[in-house]
């Protein structure tokens, strides 16, 4: 999940279809700016999605040393622990993400502040809370990218030990409908 910040139009998209090219791009960025927490977090996500958990953990550790109050980083760390150890072991990182979101929610726009907790509530087993947030998200007039990010994050949770498949399906269905109703445009491209 990537929150959008005011003036953040130049951020890279949250995913690339070509993982090798994305990693090469991120390696080049880090060669020029080794202190880029955004590039480290993005590379960690690429590694996590490829199942390279040790590399992802190393990038997250480096990024956390640079920006330990970053919401994107906290979300990615919770996703990493979920993938490595399952949702039971990831309860602490998910709770820490939610606490950080409560404290530093201004880092993200209103739509991302509603969308991200859909994922954390699902990961923590709070189906009612997650479903309430799905309804709230529709009322925020979301843009395509934030809804797409939420659907993709739920898809990433699905193979992890611990989530209720029926809950994930119940959350995914209205989000997929909402995503279909929205047209990807310039905001969806980052």
C-alpha atoms as a PDB file:
ATOM      1  CA  UNK A   1       0.000   0.000   0.000  1.00  0.00           C
ATOM      2  CA  UNK A   2       1.410   3.329  -0.897  1.00  0.00           C
ATOM      3  CA  UNK A   3      -0.083   6.425   0.572  1.00  0.00           C
ATOM      4  CA  UNK A   4      -0.059   9.524  -1.571  1.00  0.00           C
ATOM      5  CA  UNK A   5       1.231  12.721  -0.149  1.00  0.00           C
ATOM      6  CA  UNK A   6       0.475  16.218  -1.317  1.00  0.00           C
ATOM      7  CA  UNK A   7       2.928  17.153  -4.059  1.00  0.00           C
ATOM      8  CA  UNK A   8       3.918  13.527  -4.572  1.00  0.00           C
ATOM      9  CA  UNK A   9       3.084  13.292  -8.267  1.00  0.00           C
ATOM     10  CA  UNK A  10       6.619  12.178  -9.115  1.00  0.00           C
ATOM     11  CA  UNK A  11       6.594   9.025  -7.001  1.00  0.00           C
ATOM     12  CA  UNK A  12       7.177   5.791  -8.847  1.00  0.00           C
ATOM     13  CA  UNK A  13       4.172   3.528  -9.305  1.00  0.00           C
ATOM     14  CA  UNK A  14       3.630   1.027  -6.479  1.00  0.00           C
ATOM     15  CA  UNK A  15       4.346  -1.934  -8.696  1.00  0.00           C
ATOM     16  CA  UNK A  16       5.863  -2.715 -12.046  1.00  0.00           C
ATOM     17  CA  UNK A  17       4.879  -5.577 -14.277  1.00  0.00           C
ATOM     18  CA  UNK A  18       8.560  -6.257 -15.002  1.00  0.00           C
ATOM     19  CA  UNK A  19      10.180  -7.078 -11.652  1.00  0.00           C
ATOM     20  CA  UNK A  20      13.695  -7.349 -13.124  1.00  0.00           C
ATOM     21  CA  UNK A  21      13.442  -3.887 -14.675  1.00  0.00           C
ATOM     22  CA  UNK A  22      12.002  -2.468 -11.456  1.00  0.00           C
ATOM     23  CA  UNK A  23      14.872  -3.921  -9.424  1.00  0.00           C
ATOM     24  CA  UNK A  24      17.419  -2.606 -11.924  1.00  0.00           C
ATOM     25  CA  UNK A  25      15.830   0.863 -11.760  1.00  0.00           C
ATOM     26  CA  UNK A  26      15.821   0.805  -7.965  1.00  0.00           C
ATOM     27  CA  UNK A  27      19.438  -0.381  -7.848  1.00  0.00           C
ATOM     28  CA  UNK A  28      20.382   2.569 -10.078  1.00  0.00           C
ATOM     29  CA  UNK A  29      18.474   4.993  -7.835  1.00  0.00           C
ATOM     30  CA  UNK A  30      20.191   3.582  -4.767  1.00  0.00           C
ATOM     31  CA  UNK A  31      23.550   3.862  -6.509  1.00  0.00           C
ATOM     32  CA  UNK A  32      22.888   7.588  -6.882  1.00  0.00           C
ATOM     33  CA  UNK A  33      21.010   8.089  -3.613  1.00  0.00           C
ATOM     34  CA  UNK A  34      21.883   5.328  -1.135  1.00  0.00           C
ATOM     35  CA  UNK A  35      19.894   7.161   1.542  1.00  0.00           C
ATOM     36  CA  UNK A  36      16.574   7.004  -0.349  1.00  0.00           C
ATOM     37  CA  UNK A  37      14.156   5.338   2.041  1.00  0.00           C
ATOM     38  CA  UNK A  38      11.506   5.309  -0.721  1.00  0.00           C
ATOM     39  CA  UNK A  39      13.786   3.366  -3.074  1.00  0.00           C
ATOM     40  CA  UNK A  40      14.765   0.974  -0.276  1.00  0.00           C
ATOM     41  CA  UNK A  41      11.123   0.373   0.650  1.00  0.00           C
ATOM     42  CA  UNK A  42      10.200  -0.124  -3.016  1.00  0.00           C
ATOM     43  CA  UNK A  43      13.066  -2.557  -3.531  1.00  0.00           C
ATOM     44  CA  UNK A  44      12.069  -4.413  -0.352  1.00  0.00           C
ATOM     45  CA  UNK A  45       8.586  -4.832  -1.810  1.00  0.00           C
ATOM     46  CA  UNK A  46      10.023  -6.209  -5.063  1.00  0.00           C
ATOM     47  CA  UNK A  47      12.160  -8.676  -3.100  1.00  0.00           C
ATOM     48  CA  UNK A  48       9.215  -9.688  -0.880  1.00  0.00           C
ATOM     49  CA  UNK A  49       6.948 -10.327  -3.851  1.00  0.00           C
ATOM     50  CA  UNK A  50       9.677 -12.523  -5.357  1.00  0.00           C
ATOM     51  CA  UNK A  51      10.028 -14.465  -2.089  1.00  0.00           C
ATOM     52  CA  UNK A  52      13.474 -13.055  -1.318  1.00  0.00           C
ATOM     53  CA  UNK A  53      12.666 -12.297   2.300  1.00  0.00           C
ATOM     54  CA  UNK A  54      16.247 -11.858   3.551  1.00  0.00           C
ATOM     55  CA  UNK A  55      16.942  -9.178   0.932  1.00  0.00           C
ATOM     56  CA  UNK A  56      13.614  -7.501   1.708  1.00  0.00           C
ATOM     57  CA  UNK A  57      14.382  -7.504   5.429  1.00  0.00           C
ATOM     58  CA  UNK A  58      17.824  -5.978   4.815  1.00  0.00           C
ATOM     59  CA  UNK A  59      16.335  -3.152   2.733  1.00  0.00           C
ATOM     60  CA  UNK A  60      13.644  -2.503   5.336  1.00  0.00           C
ATOM     61  CA  UNK A  61      16.250  -2.367   8.102  1.00  0.00           C
ATOM     62  CA  UNK A  62      18.292   0.180   6.105  1.00  0.00           C
ATOM     63  CA  UNK A  63      15.199   2.244   5.324  1.00  0.00           C
ATOM     64  CA  UNK A  64      14.030   2.155   8.950  1.00  0.00           C
ATOM     65  CA  UNK A  65      17.370   3.568  10.042  1.00  0.00           C
ATOM     66  CA  UNK A  66      16.639   6.520   7.733  1.00  0.00           C
ATOM     67  CA  UNK A  67      12.894   6.983   8.277  1.00  0.00           C
ATOM     68  CA  UNK A  68      11.511   4.988  11.183  1.00  0.00           C
ATOM     69  CA  UNK A  69       8.167   6.846  11.265  1.00  0.00           C
ATOM     70  CA  UNK A  70       7.322   6.246   7.591  1.00  0.00           C
ATOM     71  CA  UNK A  71       3.889   4.712   7.014  1.00  0.00           C
ATOM     72  CA  UNK A  72       4.809   3.051   3.712  1.00  0.00           C
ATOM     73  CA  UNK A  73       7.756   1.376   5.401  1.00  0.00           C
ATOM     74  CA  UNK A  74       5.670   0.207   8.390  1.00  0.00           C
ATOM     75  CA  UNK A  75       3.072  -1.261   6.024  1.00  0.00           C
ATOM     76  CA  UNK A  76       5.730  -3.041   3.972  1.00  0.00           C
ATOM     77  CA  UNK A  77       7.355  -4.395   7.134  1.00  0.00           C
ATOM     78  CA  UNK A  78       4.012  -5.833   8.302  1.00  0.00           C
ATOM     79  CA  UNK A  79       3.493  -7.428   4.876  1.00  0.00           C
ATOM     80  CA  UNK A  80       7.029  -8.873   5.014  1.00  0.00           C
ATOM     81  CA  UNK A  81       6.581 -10.406   8.462  1.00  0.00           C
ATOM     82  CA  UNK A  82       3.192 -11.756   7.363  1.00  0.00           C
ATOM     83  CA  UNK A  83       4.785 -13.468   4.361  1.00  0.00           C
ATOM     84  CA  UNK A  84       7.770 -14.786   6.285  1.00  0.00           C
ATOM     85  CA  UNK A  85       6.075 -15.982   9.448  1.00  0.00           C
ATOM     86  CA  UNK A  86       2.298 -15.865   8.970  1.00  0.00           C
ATOM     87  CA  UNK A  87      -0.327 -13.540  10.336  1.00  0.00           C
ATOM     88  CA  UNK A  88      -0.171 -14.738  13.934  1.00  0.00           C
ATOM     89  CA  UNK A  89       3.459 -13.673  14.166  1.00  0.00           C
ATOM     90  CA  UNK A  90       2.711 -10.457  12.243  1.00  0.00           C
ATOM     91  CA  UNK A  91       0.140  -9.156  14.739  1.00  0.00           C
ATOM     92  CA  UNK A  92       2.753  -6.903  16.384  1.00  0.00           C
ATOM     93  CA  UNK A  93       3.882  -5.223  13.135  1.00  0.00           C
ATOM     94  CA  UNK A  94       0.264  -4.746  12.016  1.00  0.00           C
ATOM     95  CA  UNK A  95      -0.671  -3.194  15.365  1.00  0.00           C
ATOM     96  CA  UNK A  96       2.439  -0.991  15.175  1.00  0.00           C
ATOM     97  CA  UNK A  97       1.427   0.100  11.663  1.00  0.00           C
ATOM     98  CA  UNK A  98      -2.042   1.072  12.877  1.00  0.00           C
ATOM     99  CA  UNK A  99      -0.584   3.007  15.823  1.00  0.00           C
ATOM    100  CA  UNK A 100       1.774   4.846  13.477  1.00  0.00           C
ATOM    101  CA  UNK A 101      -1.118   5.577  11.102  1.00  0.00           C
ATOM    102  CA  UNK A 102      -3.082   7.033  14.011  1.00  0.00           C
ATOM    103  CA  UNK A 103      -0.145   9.223  15.014  1.00  0.00           C
ATOM    104  CA  UNK A 104       1.205  10.197  11.580  1.00  0.00           C
ATOM    105  CA  UNK A 105      -1.830   9.786   9.310  1.00  0.00           C
ATOM    106  CA  UNK A 106      -1.155  13.186   7.781  1.00  0.00           C
ATOM    107  CA  UNK A 107       1.618  11.561   5.708  1.00  0.00           C
ATOM    108  CA  UNK A 108      -1.097  10.057   3.506  1.00  0.00           C
ATOM    109  CA  UNK A 109      -4.154  11.409   1.744  1.00  0.00           C
ATOM    110  CA  UNK A 110      -7.659  10.680   3.058  1.00  0.00           C
ATOM    111  CA  UNK A 111      -8.278   7.771   0.696  1.00  0.00           C
ATOM    112  CA  UNK A 112      -5.070   5.933   1.623  1.00  0.00           C
ATOM    113  CA  UNK A 113      -5.759   6.545   5.327  1.00  0.00           C
ATOM    114  CA  UNK A 114      -9.002   4.599   4.905  1.00  0.00           C
ATOM    115  CA  UNK A 115      -7.742   1.950   2.452  1.00  0.00           C
ATOM    116  CA  UNK A 116      -4.639   0.762   4.319  1.00  0.00           C
ATOM    117  CA  UNK A 117      -6.471  -0.200   7.516  1.00  0.00           C
ATOM    118  CA  UNK A 118      -8.740  -2.439   5.431  1.00  0.00           C
ATOM    119  CA  UNK A 119      -5.645  -4.593   4.968  1.00  0.00           C
ATOM    120  CA  UNK A 120      -4.410  -4.333   8.548  1.00  0.00           C
ATOM    121  CA  UNK A 121      -7.875  -5.048   9.994  1.00  0.00           C
ATOM    122  CA  UNK A 122      -8.142  -8.108   7.722  1.00  0.00           C
ATOM    123  CA  UNK A 123      -4.659  -9.239   8.783  1.00  0.00           C
ATOM    124  CA  UNK A 124      -5.626  -8.816  12.434  1.00  0.00           C
ATOM    125  CA  UNK A 125      -8.839 -10.823  11.933  1.00  0.00           C
ATOM    126  CA  UNK A 126     -11.227  -7.881  12.425  1.00  0.00           C
ATOM    127  CA  UNK A 127     -13.649  -8.590   9.601  1.00  0.00           C
ATOM    128  CA  UNK A 128     -16.317  -6.163  10.812  1.00  0.00           C
ATOM    129  CA  UNK A 129     -13.795  -3.338  11.059  1.00  0.00           C
ATOM    130  CA  UNK A 130     -12.384  -4.088   7.615  1.00  0.00           C
ATOM    131  CA  UNK A 131     -15.856  -4.234   6.056  1.00  0.00           C
ATOM    132  CA  UNK A 132     -16.792  -0.907   7.684  1.00  0.00           C
ATOM    133  CA  UNK A 133     -13.663   0.637   6.160  1.00  0.00           C
ATOM    134  CA  UNK A 134     -14.532  -0.728   2.698  1.00  0.00           C
ATOM    135  CA  UNK A 135     -17.839   1.160   2.929  1.00  0.00           C
ATOM    136  CA  UNK A 136     -16.024   4.284   4.156  1.00  0.00           C
ATOM    137  CA  UNK A 137     -13.527   4.094   1.301  1.00  0.00           C
ATOM    138  CA  UNK A 138     -16.284   4.358  -1.299  1.00  0.00           C
ATOM    139  CA  UNK A 139     -17.487   7.551   0.416  1.00  0.00           C
ATOM    140  CA  UNK A 140     -14.038   9.191   0.184  1.00  0.00           C
ATOM    141  CA  UNK A 141     -14.284   9.376  -3.627  1.00  0.00           C
ATOM    142  CA  UNK A 142     -11.167   7.216  -4.021  1.00  0.00           C
ATOM    143  CA  UNK A 143      -8.919   7.249  -7.021  1.00  0.00           C
ATOM    144  CA  UNK A 144      -8.214   4.089  -8.986  1.00  0.00           C
ATOM    145  CA  UNK A 145      -4.666   3.514  -7.685  1.00  0.00           C
ATOM    146  CA  UNK A 146      -5.594   3.397  -4.001  1.00  0.00           C
ATOM    147  CA  UNK A 147      -8.371   0.883  -4.678  1.00  0.00           C
ATOM    148  CA  UNK A 148      -6.079  -1.180  -6.902  1.00  0.00           C
ATOM    149  CA  UNK A 149      -3.400  -1.148  -4.189  1.00  0.00           C
ATOM    150  CA  UNK A 150      -5.937  -2.414  -1.642  1.00  0.00           C
ATOM    151  CA  UNK A 151      -7.091  -5.244  -3.933  1.00  0.00           C
ATOM    152  CA  UNK A 152      -3.491  -6.244  -4.635  1.00  0.00           C
ATOM    153  CA  UNK A 153      -2.589  -6.193  -0.934  1.00  0.00           C
ATOM    154  CA  UNK A 154      -5.545  -8.463  -0.141  1.00  0.00           C
ATOM    155  CA  UNK A 155      -4.368 -10.782  -2.926  1.00  0.00           C
ATOM    156  CA  UNK A 156      -0.898 -10.800  -1.350  1.00  0.00           C
ATOM    157  CA  UNK A 157      -2.408 -11.781   2.019  1.00  0.00           C
ATOM    158  CA  UNK A 158      -4.425 -14.661   0.548  1.00  0.00           C
ATOM    159  CA  UNK A 159      -1.638 -17.297   0.355  1.00  0.00           C
ATOM    160  CA  UNK A 160      -0.243 -16.400   3.786  1.00  0.00           C
ATOM    161  CA  UNK A 161      -1.125 -18.733   6.663  1.00  0.00           C
ATOM    162  CA  UNK A 162      -3.798 -17.227   8.880  1.00  0.00           C
ATOM    163  CA  UNK A 163      -6.293 -15.036   7.017  1.00  0.00           C
ATOM    164  CA  UNK A 164      -9.885 -16.122   6.667  1.00  0.00           C
ATOM    165  CA  UNK A 165     -10.392 -16.769   2.918  1.00  0.00           C
ATOM    166  CA  UNK A 166     -14.099 -15.931   3.191  1.00  0.00           C
ATOM    167  CA  UNK A 167     -13.268 -12.562   4.784  1.00  0.00           C
ATOM    168  CA  UNK A 168     -10.686 -11.760   2.091  1.00  0.00           C
ATOM    169  CA  UNK A 169     -13.224 -12.638  -0.620  1.00  0.00           C
ATOM    170  CA  UNK A 170     -15.924 -10.535   1.093  1.00  0.00           C
ATOM    171  CA  UNK A 171     -13.554  -7.554   1.197  1.00  0.00           C
ATOM    172  CA  UNK A 172     -12.163  -8.059  -2.281  1.00  0.00           C
ATOM    173  CA  UNK A 173     -15.517  -8.249  -4.090  1.00  0.00           C
ATOM    174  CA  UNK A 174     -16.760  -4.687  -3.407  1.00  0.00           C
ATOM    175  CA  UNK A 175     -13.243  -3.284  -3.848  1.00  0.00           C
ATOM    176  CA  UNK A 176     -12.964  -4.972  -7.243  1.00  0.00           C
ATOM    177  CA  UNK A 177     -16.353  -3.527  -8.225  1.00  0.00           C
ATOM    178  CA  UNK A 178     -15.240  -0.088  -7.085  1.00  0.00           C
ATOM    179  CA  UNK A 179     -11.954  -0.393  -8.992  1.00  0.00           C
ATOM    180  CA  UNK A 180     -13.860  -1.396 -12.133  1.00  0.00           C
ATOM    181  CA  UNK A 181     -16.144   1.626 -11.779  1.00  0.00           C
ATOM    182  CA  UNK A 182     -13.152   3.953 -11.584  1.00  0.00           C
ATOM    183  CA  UNK A 183     -11.107   4.664 -14.650  1.00  0.00           C
ATOM    184  CA  UNK A 184      -7.353   4.507 -14.368  1.00  0.00           C
ATOM    185  CA  UNK A 185      -5.987   7.863 -15.389  1.00  0.00           C
ATOM    186  CA  UNK A 186      -2.992  10.063 -14.658  1.00  0.00           C
ATOM    187  CA  UNK A 187      -3.420   9.598 -10.897  1.00  0.00           C
ATOM    188  CA  UNK A 188      -3.228   5.827 -11.386  1.00  0.00           C
ATOM    189  CA  UNK A 189       0.100   6.171 -13.102  1.00  0.00           C
ATOM    190  CA  UNK A 190       1.740   7.903 -10.165  1.00  0.00           C
END
